[in-house]
Amino acid sequence: MSASIYWMLIQAAQAPLDSPDRFLSASEVSKHTSLRFPKRRLEWTLGRWTGKRLFQSLPAYCSYSLPEIEIHNMPDGAPFIVLPGKEGTPGCLTISHCEQMALCAFVEGQDLRIGADLEKIELRSRAFVEDYFTPVEHDLIESFPEELKSTLINLFWSAKESMLKALGVGLHWDTRKVEVWQIDGLYPLHPEKDEWHDMKLGDCEDSGRRWQGWWRRRGEYILTLACLAPASSTLASIQLMEKIM
């Protein structure tokens, strides 16, 4: 049976961030007011707007108003949807911020766990690679031409963040516990092609978990998605569906 991962990327200019009461619940408005630092407040509010708009775009949930769709956080920070009069969560939600953009992804049901990450391509030091990447990843990076290494390093880092989000542990775990094994679509690199490419991901120890990853480049940014499933056959049939606001 196939499954769909729905995703949405929104820029701050597309969201009514100056009128949060239009889309936040009363408890979310209270949280918004308590955020002291402008950058944190912008990221949090943009993430809520994007997550709510993504969720509301699905036919099964379009009858809910944005204030009725509440986004709460687990103790580790992982977001989840709460609906009025409903027990439990309808699926897995993941949110990432970078500068003036937010990336959200959602999958229905309880079988799949997903993580998404958004990173700007920037220079990172050799020490960064040595501290956070595995020897396998280090060797893979070195196998590519020099002009691709900045893109590759940021891509690996983003993929690791997505995996750790799917596991529900975030950066509380050592990033070397998860690993990128293969990247498709990187060489030759065509920045003008805005499409998803496959990644092979895994645990460094044999945990029995089954992974699939995807990445794409949008301008100077890298988007990644990681999915954790109970069976490889489920992963093979997943579709990535962009929702446009």
Foldseek 3Di string as FASTA:
>chain_A
DAWEKEKEKDFLVVDPLVCLVQQAAPVVVVVLVPDDDPVVSQQVSQQLVRQLVRVCPDPVNVVDGRRQWHWDADPLGQIFTDGPPDPDGQWGKEWEDDDRMIMIITIGDDFKFKFKYKDFQDDDDPVVCVQQEDPLLVVVLVVDDPVLNSVSVRQFVRQLQTVCVSVVNGVVDRSHQKHWNDWPQVVVHDLVDFDKTWTAIGGPDPPQWHKIKIWGHDVRMIMMMMMIGNDPVHVVRYHYHYDDD
